[in-house]
Amino acid sequence: MQLNTYHIEEIIKEGPYSSDWSSKFPSKLFVGVSLIVRSGGYTHKQNRIWEAEEWKEIKEKGYYVE
């Protein structure tokens, strides 16, 4: 399995996220994020949902791996 590193170029929008499935985890806070990322020489827009704590760490580092 090959992992990719996504470098954050721009955060377009971020805010609290909730839906039917997220209500099954009442102790967790989720964040919806729209961002521009660069990976493998390509730049593209992504819409992602992360746990609030995970997003805080990603934002501080400026990248994420998956």
Protein backbone atom coordinates (compact mmCIF):
# COMPACT_ATOMS: atom_id res chain seq x y z
CA MET A 1 0.00 0.00 0.00
CA GLN A 2 1.40 3.35 -1.02
CA LEU A 3 0.74 6.37 1.19
CA ASN A 4 0.40 9.89 -0.20
CA THR A 5 1.35 13.11 1.55
CA TYR A 6 -1.06 16.01 0.98
CA HIS A 7 0.34 19.49 1.61
CA ILE A 8 -2.26 22.13 2.42
CA GLU A 9 -2.02 25.06 0.00
CA GLU A 10 -5.18 26.89 1.07
CA ILE A 11 -8.07 26.39 3.49
CA ILE A 12 -11.20 27.59 1.72
CA LYS A 13 -13.76 26.85 4.40
CA GLU A 14 -13.93 25.05 7.73
CA GLY A 15 -16.69 24.64 10.27
CA PRO A 16 -18.59 22.30 12.57
CA TYR A 17 -20.03 19.22 10.87
CA SER A 18 -23.00 17.11 11.89
CA SER A 19 -25.17 14.51 10.20
CA ASP A 20 -27.07 11.33 11.01
CA TRP A 21 -23.93 9.21 11.31
CA SER A 22 -21.99 11.76 13.38
CA SER A 23 -24.79 11.86 15.96
CA LYS A 24 -23.86 8.24 16.79
CA PHE A 25 -20.65 9.62 18.34
CA PRO A 26 -21.92 12.21 20.84
CA SER A 27 -18.55 12.55 22.57
CA LYS A 28 -16.74 13.55 19.35
CA LEU A 29 -16.72 16.84 17.49
CA PHE A 30 -16.34 16.81 13.71
CA VAL A 31 -15.15 19.50 11.32
CA GLY A 32 -16.02 19.84 7.64
CA VAL A 33 -13.16 21.31 5.59
CA SER A 34 -12.85 22.47 2.01
CA LEU A 35 -9.21 22.91 1.03
CA ILE A 36 -6.69 23.03 -1.79
CA VAL A 37 -3.95 20.39 -1.47
CA ARG A 38 -0.80 19.47 -3.38
CA SER A 39 0.33 15.89 -3.78
CA GLY A 40 2.57 14.20 -6.33
CA GLY A 41 2.95 17.40 -8.34
CA TYR A 42 -0.81 17.92 -8.67
CA THR A 43 -2.96 20.53 -6.94
CA HIS A 44 -6.65 19.91 -6.37
CA LYS A 45 -9.63 20.77 -4.17
CA GLN A 46 -10.86 18.36 -1.52
CA ASN A 47 -13.83 18.33 0.83
CA ARG A 48 -13.04 16.34 3.96
CA ILE A 49 -14.46 15.55 7.40
CA TRP A 50 -12.12 15.05 10.35
CA GLU A 51 -12.46 14.79 14.10
CA ALA A 52 -11.78 18.26 15.52
CA GLU A 53 -8.60 17.20 17.36
CA GLU A 54 -7.21 15.45 14.28
CA TRP A 55 -7.91 18.51 12.12
CA LYS A 56 -6.15 20.76 14.65
CA GLU A 57 -2.99 18.62 14.38
CA ILE A 58 -3.16 18.50 10.57
CA LYS A 59 -3.60 22.26 10.37
CA GLU A 60 -0.59 22.86 12.64
CA LYS A 61 1.63 20.52 10.57
CA GLY A 62 0.35 21.81 7.22
CA TYR A 63 -0.05 18.34 5.71
CA TYR A 64 -1.61 14.91 6.20
CA VAL A 65 -0.75 11.40 5.03
CA GLU A 66 -3.14 8.71 3.87
